[in-house]
Structure formats: C-alpha cells, structure tokens
Amino acid sequence: MELLKRHILLWIVFVWTGLNLSAQEPMKDDTKDSVCVSVLTCTAGKDLYAKFGHTALRVQNMTREADIVFNYGCFDYNADNFVMKFMLGETDYQLGAEPFDYFIERYGRMGIGVTEQVLNLTQTEANDLFRLLIENLQPENQEYRYKWLYDNCTERARDMVEKAVEGKVAYEKAPTDVTVRQLLRQCLTDSPWTSFGIDMILGAEIDRKVDKRVQMFLPDVFRAEADEAHIINNKGESTPYVRSKAVILKETNEADTPHLLTSPQFVFSLLLLAVALLGWWENIKKRYCLWMDVLLHTAQGLAGILVSFLFFFSEHPGVSTNWLVILFNPLSLAYAAWIIYCQRKQRKNVLAYANLAVVVGFLVTMAVCPQSFDFAMWQVVLVLLIRAVKQTEYIQKKEIR
C-alpha cells in the first residue's frame, strides 16, 4: 500500500511538472533541461534490512521545478509468498520514486541521517541519466532480481550513473585487502547477535578477498569511493566525480551499546563452562543427563534446518558454500530422538561414535577450510565435542541408566 501511494503521488508530480514519462526519444541538445543529480547515502536504521544503510539518486530538474528521489530498494511485503521467495533468493525489488521532501520526511521520522554528494555531470550526462531512470521506472522495466552482494540498490544506482557518463568513472581510492565477511562484521559491531546469525548462514564465498567494485555493495563504501573518484571523458580529461557534498539530514538514532554479558561470546562461554561442570558432576555421580544432549541436539537440528535449506535451495550469494552444513543439519533432530529411544529401551547408543567422529572431523575442518568462523561458533562446537565425548564414555563404561 505504501509503495502504491508513492507511485500515485509521483504520477501527480510528473503530470503537474509536465515531465514526459514515455521518454521514447532522447532529448535534443537545444531542448535539454537544467538537471542536477546527487547520490544520497542513508545511515543504518534499526530494522534488520536497514542495518547496512541505503543509497538513492536525487534528480533536480531546475527548469521544471521537480525534485525527485529514485530508489532501487523498494519491495512489497504483501506480495504472494514474499518470505519464502526472500529465503530462496528470488525476491524482485523495484525502482521507486518519490518527491525529495517526502523522502527526507520519511527518513527523518526513522532517525536516519542522509548525506548528499552532488555529481559533477555535464548537462548532457545529467539529462541522459534522468532519461534512463524514467525508462527504468516503466512497469515493464521496474523490477529486477535482487542480489544482496552483486546487484543491490547501491550497485544499481552506481551502475546507472556510469551508463550515463560519456567516458568512464575511475575510482581512485586505494584498494583494501578485505573480505565481505570482515565488512559485514564491521557494520554490525553494535548488533553482535545479528552478526553471529549472518555469520552462521554465509559460507566460504564471502571469505575471499574482493576488489573495490564488489565492496561497493555497502552504501558507505560507495560513498567513500565516490569522494575520491574521477570522471575521465572520451577525450581523456579528468574531473572529480563529486562536485560538492553536505549532510542534509542528521542522524538522530542513538547507537546501540552492546553489553558483554549478553554477547554471543559470553553466553556461549557460560554454556561451555556449564557443560564442562555437568560432565564433571556426571562422572562423580555416575549418571547420564539425557535432557542436556536432547536439548543440544534439538537446537543443533533446528539451526541445521535453516542452514541446510539455504545451502541446498537458496540463490542468495554465499549460502551454498557454507561448511557449517556438515555439523548443522536436520539429522541432529533424528539423533536427539535416537538418544531418547536408546535410553527408554536400555540400549547402547552405538551412533555416539559416529557423532563423535563428525564433531572431531568438523573441528579439524574449521581449522583448515577457507571459511572464517566467529569465536562464538568455536565455543558451540566445543560444547558439542564435550557432550560427544561423554556419550562414548558412558557406552564404554556401561554405566548408562
């Protein structure tokens, strides 16, 4: 509904200002309007989808007194099977547009800051970019398959500007030897549990060193690159990419302060200590705490459903190279049921040896595979290792009861 309202309002603005939405023919030099194009970079928001910021393009038509923001980050929550399509990586985003004043008012309500970089485009380039955006706004061109790493709202905005430039954009900022995972962790320092969850579902693909162009999937990286970039025209002449910049909306959200006592590392440290003490108590009392293994393997299996689903079925970049699928998969749920069955039937849990082999093998794999793991994940695997060892000890001593 919100998206529909924006489109209706935009059409009113276009009719009022006399703009030509068909844009079927390029405008001739003597009829070009006075157009100014800016890159708008938004700070991170509170919602998960806004944690990494946002990029949009502002087009001011001075001749026709129009001020429009073009936004490649629009999507419809109410679309059929939206959640499932998002999980599968089959989400289609849209180019939307709205008056600049409404854009600023909306982001101001959310406490998000907005920085503007006025681009140093010629009038021909600015008019061509405006025409390209209008063409993209047509219903048949509006949608695109969203890929968070390789084709998102920031990269779309960057690429549209490059298409309109008569020459090329040279990004001069020194390349950084960095991985996508490192960039994501830097963005989520104030949200440790979100960082842990994203870290868990993304695999080795995001642990490769990436060039500056891939790094620009993040709005702040593109903003920093734009500040240092130059436009080199077809004659070889170089001009700065950005003519001027300013903060047009100050961020009012207070940064979240993560607490050590609620961080994943601290929570899993306590779990690791509790499991170690429980094992010590079991040795003294010669008892077996069935509930602990059932609880751990159930949690392992539930997390494994998500990891395995993304690994096998999703088109999202990074999820199909996740080595955690070896340890986190739905088989853990079956193993939890097997433990209960063995206890009730007074049978030996012969699968405990296989479970131990898997955990030990994966611990070795963590040390040598190309995927980087959060410290908290190492703690989780150590917890599973302690319990796997305990299960085999009880079998050997035949003291399970």
Protein backbone atom coordinates (compact mmCIF):
# COMPACT_ATOMS: atom_id res chain seq x y z
CA MET A 1 0.00 0.00 0.00
CA GLU A 2 2.84 2.40 0.87
CA LEU A 3 4.51 1.69 -2.46
CA LEU A 4 1.23 2.28 -4.32
CA LYS A 5 0.76 5.62 -2.56
CA ARG A 6 4.25 6.71 -3.61
CA HIS A 7 3.59 5.84 -7.24
CA ILE A 8 0.27 7.68 -7.30
CA LEU A 9 1.91 10.74 -5.75
CA LEU A 10 4.80 10.55 -8.19
CA TRP A 11 2.47 10.44 -11.18
CA ILE A 12 0.72 13.56 -9.87
CA VAL A 13 4.09 15.31 -9.59
CA PHE A 14 5.08 14.31 -13.12
CA VAL A 15 1.76 15.48 -14.59
CA TRP A 16 2.00 18.75 -12.68
CA THR A 17 5.53 19.47 -13.85
CA GLY A 18 4.86 18.39 -17.43
CA LEU A 19 7.55 15.70 -17.48
CA ASN A 20 7.47 13.16 -20.29
CA LEU A 21 7.35 9.65 -18.77
CA SER A 22 7.41 7.89 -22.09
CA ALA A 23 10.99 9.02 -22.80
CA GLN A 24 10.95 7.08 -26.04
CA GLU A 25 13.23 9.53 -27.87
CA PRO A 26 16.41 11.11 -26.49
CA MET A 27 16.09 14.85 -25.97
CA LYS A 28 17.91 17.11 -28.41
CA ASP A 29 20.65 19.40 -27.15
CA ASP A 30 18.59 22.56 -27.57
CA THR A 31 15.69 21.23 -25.51
CA LYS A 32 17.60 19.79 -22.58
CA ASP A 33 16.59 20.93 -19.14
CA SER A 34 18.84 22.12 -16.34
CA VAL A 35 19.26 18.91 -14.36
CA CYS A 36 21.35 18.23 -11.24
CA VAL A 37 21.99 14.68 -9.96
CA SER A 38 23.07 13.69 -6.45
CA VAL A 39 23.86 10.48 -4.65
CA LEU A 40 22.02 10.19 -1.32
CA THR A 41 23.58 7.88 1.28
CA CYS A 42 21.49 6.94 4.29
CA THR A 43 22.86 5.81 7.62
CA ALA A 44 21.94 2.47 9.14
CA GLY A 45 18.46 2.00 10.57
CA LYS A 46 17.13 -0.08 13.44
CA ASP A 47 15.45 -2.74 11.29
CA LEU A 48 17.49 -5.67 10.01
CA TYR A 49 17.00 -4.78 6.33
CA ALA A 50 18.30 -1.25 7.07
CA LYS A 51 21.35 -2.25 9.12
CA PHE A 52 23.75 -1.55 6.25
CA GLY A 53 22.35 1.81 5.14
CA HIS A 54 20.90 2.72 1.76
CA THR A 55 21.68 4.59 -1.46
CA ALA A 56 19.34 6.55 -3.73
CA LEU A 57 19.63 9.06 -6.56
CA ARG A 58 18.23 12.58 -6.36
CA VAL A 59 17.36 14.33 -9.62
CA GLN A 60 16.54 18.04 -9.55
CA ASN A 61 15.07 19.47 -12.73
CA MET A 62 15.59 23.21 -12.25
CA THR A 63 13.77 24.09 -15.47
CA ARG A 64 10.57 22.26 -14.48
CA GLU A 65 10.92 22.73 -10.72
CA ALA A 66 10.91 18.98 -10.00
CA ASP A 67 12.90 17.30 -7.23
CA ILE A 68 12.62 13.52 -7.34
CA VAL A 69 14.40 10.69 -5.50
CA PHE A 70 14.84 7.42 -7.41
CA ASN A 71 15.16 4.43 -5.13
CA TYR A 72 16.13 0.90 -6.24
CA GLY A 73 15.38 -0.53 -2.78
CA CYS A 74 11.59 -0.85 -2.98
CA PHE A 75 9.86 -4.16 -2.33
CA ASP A 76 6.33 -5.25 -1.47
CA TYR A 77 5.89 -7.03 1.89
CA ASN A 78 2.40 -8.08 0.85
CA ALA A 79 3.45 -9.89 -2.32
CA ASP A 80 2.49 -13.55 -2.56
CA ASN A 81 4.94 -15.83 -0.72
CA PHE A 82 7.25 -12.88 -0.01
CA VAL A 83 9.03 -14.55 2.93
CA MET A 84 9.60 -17.82 1.07
CA LYS A 85 10.82 -16.02 -2.04
CA PHE A 86 13.17 -13.94 0.08
CA MET A 87 14.58 -17.09 1.70
CA LEU A 88 15.07 -18.65 -1.73
CA GLY A 89 16.82 -15.55 -3.03
CA GLU A 90 14.08 -14.99 -5.59
CA THR A 91 12.96 -11.57 -4.38
CA ASP A 92 12.27 -8.98 -7.07
CA TYR A 93 12.99 -5.42 -5.99
CA GLN A 94 11.67 -2.38 -7.82
CA LEU A 95 12.76 1.07 -8.78
CA GLY A 96 10.50 3.52 -6.96
CA ALA A 97 10.38 7.29 -6.95
CA GLU A 98 9.02 9.98 -4.69
CA PRO A 99 9.35 13.74 -4.14
CA PHE A 100 12.54 14.66 -2.31
CA ASP A 101 10.66 16.34 0.54
CA TYR A 102 8.70 13.17 1.24
CA PHE A 103 11.87 11.08 1.15
CA ILE A 104 13.58 13.32 3.70
CA GLU A 105 10.49 13.49 5.92
CA ARG A 106 10.17 9.71 5.91
CA TYR A 107 13.81 9.06 6.79
CA GLY A 108 13.73 11.83 9.36
CA ARG A 109 10.90 10.04 11.18
CA MET A 110 13.08 6.94 11.34
CA GLY A 111 16.00 8.92 12.80
CA ILE A 112 18.20 8.07 9.81
CA GLY A 113 20.79 10.54 8.52
CA VAL A 114 21.24 11.42 4.85
CA THR A 115 24.41 12.64 3.13
CA GLU A 116 24.26 14.22 -0.33
CA GLN A 117 27.02 14.12 -2.94
CA VAL A 118 26.27 16.35 -5.94
CA LEU A 119 27.74 14.69 -9.00
CA ASN A 120 29.93 16.58 -11.44
CA LEU A 121 27.99 15.58 -14.55
CA THR A 122 27.63 17.58 -17.73
CA GLN A 123 24.11 18.63 -18.69
CA THR A 124 24.12 16.03 -21.42
CA GLU A 125 25.08 13.30 -18.95
CA ALA A 126 22.58 14.51 -16.33
CA ASN A 127 19.75 14.57 -18.85
CA ASP A 128 20.72 11.13 -20.18
CA LEU A 129 20.73 9.74 -16.65
CA PHE A 130 17.31 11.26 -15.99
CA ARG A 131 16.00 9.65 -19.19
CA LEU A 132 17.47 6.26 -18.19
CA LEU A 133 15.83 6.45 -14.78
CA ILE A 134 12.47 7.34 -16.31
CA GLU A 135 12.81 4.37 -18.66
CA ASN A 136 13.61 2.13 -15.69
CA LEU A 137 10.52 3.42 -13.92
CA GLN A 138 8.21 1.99 -16.57
CA PRO A 139 6.19 -1.02 -15.28
CA GLU A 140 7.89 -3.40 -17.71
CA ASN A 141 11.37 -2.27 -16.56
CA GLN A 142 10.80 -1.59 -12.88
CA GLU A 143 11.61 -4.95 -11.35
CA TYR A 144 14.99 -6.64 -11.02
CA ARG A 145 16.22 -9.75 -9.24
CA TYR A 146 17.82 -8.54 -6.03
CA LYS A 147 21.21 -10.00 -5.08
CA TRP A 148 22.44 -8.50 -1.82
CA LEU A 149 26.12 -8.79 -2.77
CA TYR A 150 26.28 -8.38 -6.54
CA ASP A 151 23.18 -6.45 -7.59
CA ASN A 152 21.57 -4.37 -4.86
CA CYS A 153 20.16 -0.86 -4.59
CA THR A 154 23.59 0.76 -4.16
CA GLU A 155 25.17 -1.03 -7.10
CA ARG A 156 22.16 -0.25 -9.31
CA ALA A 157 22.48 3.46 -8.55
CA ARG A 158 26.24 3.37 -9.22
CA ASP A 159 25.78 1.49 -12.49
CA MET A 160 23.07 3.85 -13.77
CA VAL A 161 25.38 6.84 -13.30
CA GLU A 162 28.17 5.02 -15.11
CA LYS A 163 25.86 4.29 -18.06
CA ALA A 164 25.15 8.00 -18.47
CA VAL A 165 28.78 9.13 -18.21
CA GLU A 166 30.44 9.89 -21.55
CA GLY A 167 33.65 8.11 -20.74
CA LYS A 168 34.31 6.17 -17.54
CA VAL A 169 34.37 6.57 -13.78
CA ALA A 170 37.79 5.90 -12.24
CA TYR A 171 37.66 5.01 -8.57
CA GLU A 172 40.92 6.31 -7.17
CA LYS A 173 40.68 5.19 -3.56
CA ALA A 174 43.43 2.74 -2.62
CA PRO A 175 42.23 -0.89 -2.74
CA THR A 176 41.76 -2.59 0.62
CA ASP A 177 42.71 -6.20 1.24
CA VAL A 178 39.42 -7.18 2.82
CA THR A 179 36.72 -9.85 2.66
CA VAL A 180 32.97 -9.38 2.57
CA ARG A 181 32.67 -11.11 5.95
CA GLN A 182 35.04 -8.58 7.50
CA LEU A 183 32.99 -5.72 6.04
CA LEU A 184 29.75 -7.20 7.39
CA ARG A 185 31.23 -7.65 10.86
CA GLN A 186 32.41 -4.04 10.87
CA CYS A 187 28.88 -2.88 10.06
CA LEU A 188 27.34 -4.98 12.84
CA THR A 189 29.63 -4.23 15.78
CA ASP A 190 26.62 -2.82 17.67
CA SER A 191 24.46 -5.90 16.88
CA PRO A 192 26.51 -8.94 17.95
CA TRP A 193 23.66 -11.45 17.73
CA THR A 194 22.70 -10.27 14.26
CA SER A 195 26.36 -10.53 13.28
CA PHE A 196 26.54 -14.06 14.71
CA GLY A 197 23.41 -15.14 12.82
CA ILE A 198 24.55 -13.70 9.49
CA ASP A 199 28.00 -15.17 10.05
CA MET A 200 26.40 -18.57 10.59
CA ILE A 201 24.43 -18.72 7.34
CA LEU A 202 27.08 -17.32 4.98
CA GLY A 203 29.87 -19.56 3.74
CA ALA A 204 33.34 -19.51 2.25
CA GLU A 205 32.34 -17.39 -0.76
CA ILE A 206 32.39 -14.25 1.37
CA ASP A 207 35.84 -15.06 2.80
CA ARG A 208 37.63 -14.38 -0.48
CA LYS A 209 39.41 -11.06 -0.88
CA VAL A 210 37.24 -8.82 -3.06
CA ASP A 211 38.07 -5.80 -5.20
CA LYS A 212 36.74 -2.34 -4.56
CA ARG A 213 33.87 -2.78 -7.01
CA VAL A 214 32.38 -5.67 -5.05
CA GLN A 215 33.00 -3.81 -1.80
CA MET A 216 30.71 -1.06 -3.06
CA PHE A 217 27.67 -3.22 -2.28
CA LEU A 218 27.81 -1.31 1.01
CA PRO A 219 26.48 2.27 0.77
CA ASP A 220 29.22 3.74 2.98
CA VAL A 221 31.94 2.15 0.85
CA PHE A 222 30.40 3.56 -2.33
CA ARG A 223 30.10 6.99 -0.69
CA ALA A 224 33.79 6.92 0.29
CA GLU A 225 34.82 5.73 -3.18
CA ALA A 226 32.72 8.44 -4.84
CA ASP A 227 34.53 11.14 -2.84
CA GLU A 228 37.85 10.09 -4.39
CA ALA A 229 36.63 9.11 -7.87
CA HIS A 230 37.13 10.97 -11.14
CA ILE A 231 35.22 11.05 -14.40
CA ILE A 232 37.51 10.57 -17.39
CA ASN A 233 35.73 11.68 -20.55
CA ASN A 234 36.28 10.36 -24.05
CA LYS A 235 38.99 12.99 -24.63
CA GLY A 236 40.95 11.72 -21.62
CA GLU A 237 40.14 14.77 -19.50
CA SER A 238 39.58 14.11 -15.79
CA THR A 239 37.16 15.86 -13.44
CA PRO A 240 36.15 14.99 -9.86
CA TYR A 241 33.16 12.67 -9.65
CA VAL A 242 31.66 14.68 -6.78
CA ARG A 243 31.22 18.44 -7.15
CA SER A 244 30.07 19.13 -3.59
CA LYS A 245 28.75 17.28 -0.57
CA ALA A 246 26.75 18.03 2.53
CA VAL A 247 24.84 16.41 5.37
CA ILE A 248 21.22 17.26 4.65
CA LEU A 249 19.70 15.20 7.45
CA LYS A 250 21.43 14.45 10.72
CA GLU A 251 21.07 11.03 12.26
CA THR A 252 19.08 11.11 15.50
CA ASN A 253 19.14 7.40 16.33
CA GLU A 254 21.35 6.56 19.27
CA ALA A 255 23.86 3.84 18.55
CA ASP A 256 23.15 0.58 20.34
CA THR A 257 25.70 -0.25 23.00
CA PRO A 258 26.31 -3.98 23.07
CA HIS A 259 26.74 -5.43 26.54
CA LEU A 260 29.40 -8.02 27.18
CA LEU A 261 27.10 -10.04 29.44
CA THR A 262 24.60 -10.56 26.60
CA SER A 263 27.06 -11.09 23.74
CA PRO A 264 27.20 -14.47 21.96
CA GLN A 265 30.78 -14.97 23.12
CA PHE A 266 29.87 -14.52 26.78
CA VAL A 267 26.66 -16.55 26.58
CA PHE A 268 28.38 -19.48 24.88
CA SER A 269 31.30 -19.20 27.31
CA LEU A 270 28.82 -19.76 30.13
CA LEU A 271 27.30 -22.68 28.22
CA LEU A 272 30.72 -24.19 27.68
CA LEU A 273 31.53 -23.86 31.39
CA ALA A 274 28.14 -25.31 32.39
CA VAL A 275 28.57 -28.31 30.10
CA ALA A 276 32.08 -28.95 31.42
CA LEU A 277 30.85 -28.81 35.04
CA LEU A 278 27.92 -31.04 34.18
CA GLY A 279 30.29 -33.62 32.75
CA TRP A 280 32.36 -33.49 35.94
CA TRP A 281 29.20 -33.97 38.03
CA GLU A 282 28.11 -36.89 35.86
CA ASN A 283 31.46 -38.62 36.42
CA ILE A 284 31.14 -38.23 40.18
CA LYS A 285 27.52 -39.33 40.38
CA LYS A 286 27.87 -41.92 37.63
CA ARG A 287 24.74 -40.60 35.98
CA TYR A 288 23.81 -39.51 32.49
CA CYS A 289 21.88 -36.25 31.91
CA LEU A 290 19.76 -37.23 28.95
CA TRP A 291 18.00 -33.88 28.84
CA MET A 292 21.21 -31.96 28.08
CA ASP A 293 22.06 -33.97 24.97
CA VAL A 294 18.47 -33.95 23.74
CA LEU A 295 18.28 -30.19 24.20
CA LEU A 296 21.61 -29.52 22.49
CA HIS A 297 20.97 -31.77 19.51
CA THR A 298 17.45 -30.41 19.09
CA ALA A 299 18.82 -26.87 18.97
CA GLN A 300 21.55 -28.06 16.61
CA GLY A 301 18.96 -29.65 14.32
CA LEU A 302 16.66 -26.63 14.31
CA ALA A 303 19.56 -24.37 13.36
CA GLY A 304 20.52 -27.01 10.82
CA ILE A 305 17.14 -26.76 9.10
CA LEU A 306 17.85 -23.12 8.27
CA VAL A 307 21.49 -23.71 7.29
CA SER A 308 20.60 -26.71 5.11
CA PHE A 309 17.61 -25.03 3.48
CA LEU A 310 19.72 -22.05 2.44
CA PHE A 311 22.61 -24.30 1.39
CA PHE A 312 20.57 -26.52 -0.92
CA PHE A 313 17.75 -24.30 -2.16
CA SER A 314 18.56 -20.59 -1.87
CA GLU A 315 20.07 -18.46 -4.63
CA HIS A 316 21.47 -15.91 -2.18
CA PRO A 317 25.23 -15.38 -2.67
CA GLY A 318 27.37 -17.07 -0.04
CA VAL A 319 24.89 -19.56 1.43
CA SER A 320 25.75 -22.50 -0.86
CA THR A 321 29.40 -22.56 0.26
CA ASN A 322 28.67 -22.86 3.99
CA TRP A 323 30.82 -25.57 5.59
CA LEU A 324 28.63 -25.49 8.71
CA VAL A 325 26.10 -27.67 6.89
CA ILE A 326 28.32 -30.64 7.83
CA LEU A 327 27.50 -30.17 11.50
CA PHE A 328 24.27 -28.19 11.41
CA ASN A 329 21.63 -30.17 9.54
CA PRO A 330 18.27 -31.84 10.33
CA LEU A 331 19.97 -35.19 11.08
CA SER A 332 20.67 -33.83 14.56
CA LEU A 333 16.93 -33.93 15.28
CA ALA A 334 16.85 -37.62 14.37
CA TYR A 335 19.87 -38.21 16.59
CA ALA A 336 18.13 -36.49 19.52
CA ALA A 337 15.16 -38.85 19.05
CA TRP A 338 17.58 -41.79 18.84
CA ILE A 339 19.12 -40.86 22.22
CA ILE A 340 15.67 -40.88 23.83
CA TYR A 341 14.85 -44.23 22.19
CA CYS A 342 18.09 -45.84 23.43
CA GLN A 343 17.53 -44.58 26.96
CA ARG A 344 13.96 -45.89 27.13
CA LYS A 345 14.86 -49.26 25.63
CA GLN A 346 18.05 -49.54 27.70
CA ARG A 347 20.08 -49.92 24.54
CA LYS A 348 23.60 -48.72 23.86
CA ASN A 349 23.84 -45.58 21.80
CA VAL A 350 26.11 -47.01 19.13
CA LEU A 351 25.66 -43.89 17.00
CA ALA A 352 27.58 -41.94 19.63
CA TYR A 353 30.82 -42.99 17.92
CA ALA A 354 29.61 -41.61 14.59
CA ASN A 355 28.53 -38.40 16.30
CA LEU A 356 31.96 -38.03 17.92
CA ALA A 357 33.69 -38.65 14.60
CA VAL A 358 31.58 -35.97 12.91
CA VAL A 359 32.26 -33.37 15.62
CA VAL A 360 36.00 -34.09 15.76
CA GLY A 361 36.21 -34.11 11.97
CA PHE A 362 34.40 -30.81 11.75
CA LEU A 363 36.61 -29.23 14.41
CA VAL A 364 39.62 -30.13 12.27
CA THR A 365 37.79 -28.83 9.20
CA MET A 366 37.19 -25.48 10.90
CA ALA A 367 40.93 -25.05 11.27
CA VAL A 368 41.82 -25.80 7.65
CA CYS A 369 38.82 -24.87 5.47
CA PRO A 370 38.64 -21.50 3.66
CA GLN A 371 35.69 -20.30 5.77
CA SER A 372 36.12 -17.95 8.73
CA PHE A 373 34.11 -18.74 11.85
CA ASP A 374 33.01 -16.46 14.66
CA PHE A 375 34.70 -17.18 18.00
CA ALA A 376 31.30 -17.99 19.47
CA MET A 377 30.88 -20.74 16.87
CA TRP A 378 34.12 -22.35 18.04
CA GLN A 379 32.64 -22.38 21.53
CA VAL A 380 29.45 -24.04 20.26
CA VAL A 381 31.44 -26.79 18.55
CA LEU A 382 33.48 -27.35 21.73
CA VAL A 383 30.23 -27.77 23.67
CA LEU A 384 29.10 -30.42 21.20
CA LEU A 385 32.52 -32.08 21.43
CA ILE A 386 32.38 -32.38 25.23
CA ARG A 387 28.96 -33.98 25.08
CA ALA A 388 30.02 -36.31 22.24
CA VAL A 389 32.96 -37.50 24.32
CA LYS A 390 30.71 -38.05 27.32
CA GLN A 391 28.29 -40.13 25.30
CA THR A 392 31.02 -42.51 24.17
CA GLU A 393 32.48 -42.71 27.70
CA TYR A 394 29.18 -43.95 29.09
CA ILE A 395 28.95 -46.60 26.41
CA GLN A 396 32.42 -47.88 27.16
CA LYS A 397 31.84 -47.99 30.89
CA LYS A 398 28.34 -49.41 30.51
CA GLU A 399 27.14 -47.04 33.20
CA ILE A 400 24.22 -45.52 31.38
CA ARG A 401 20.99 -45.71 33.32
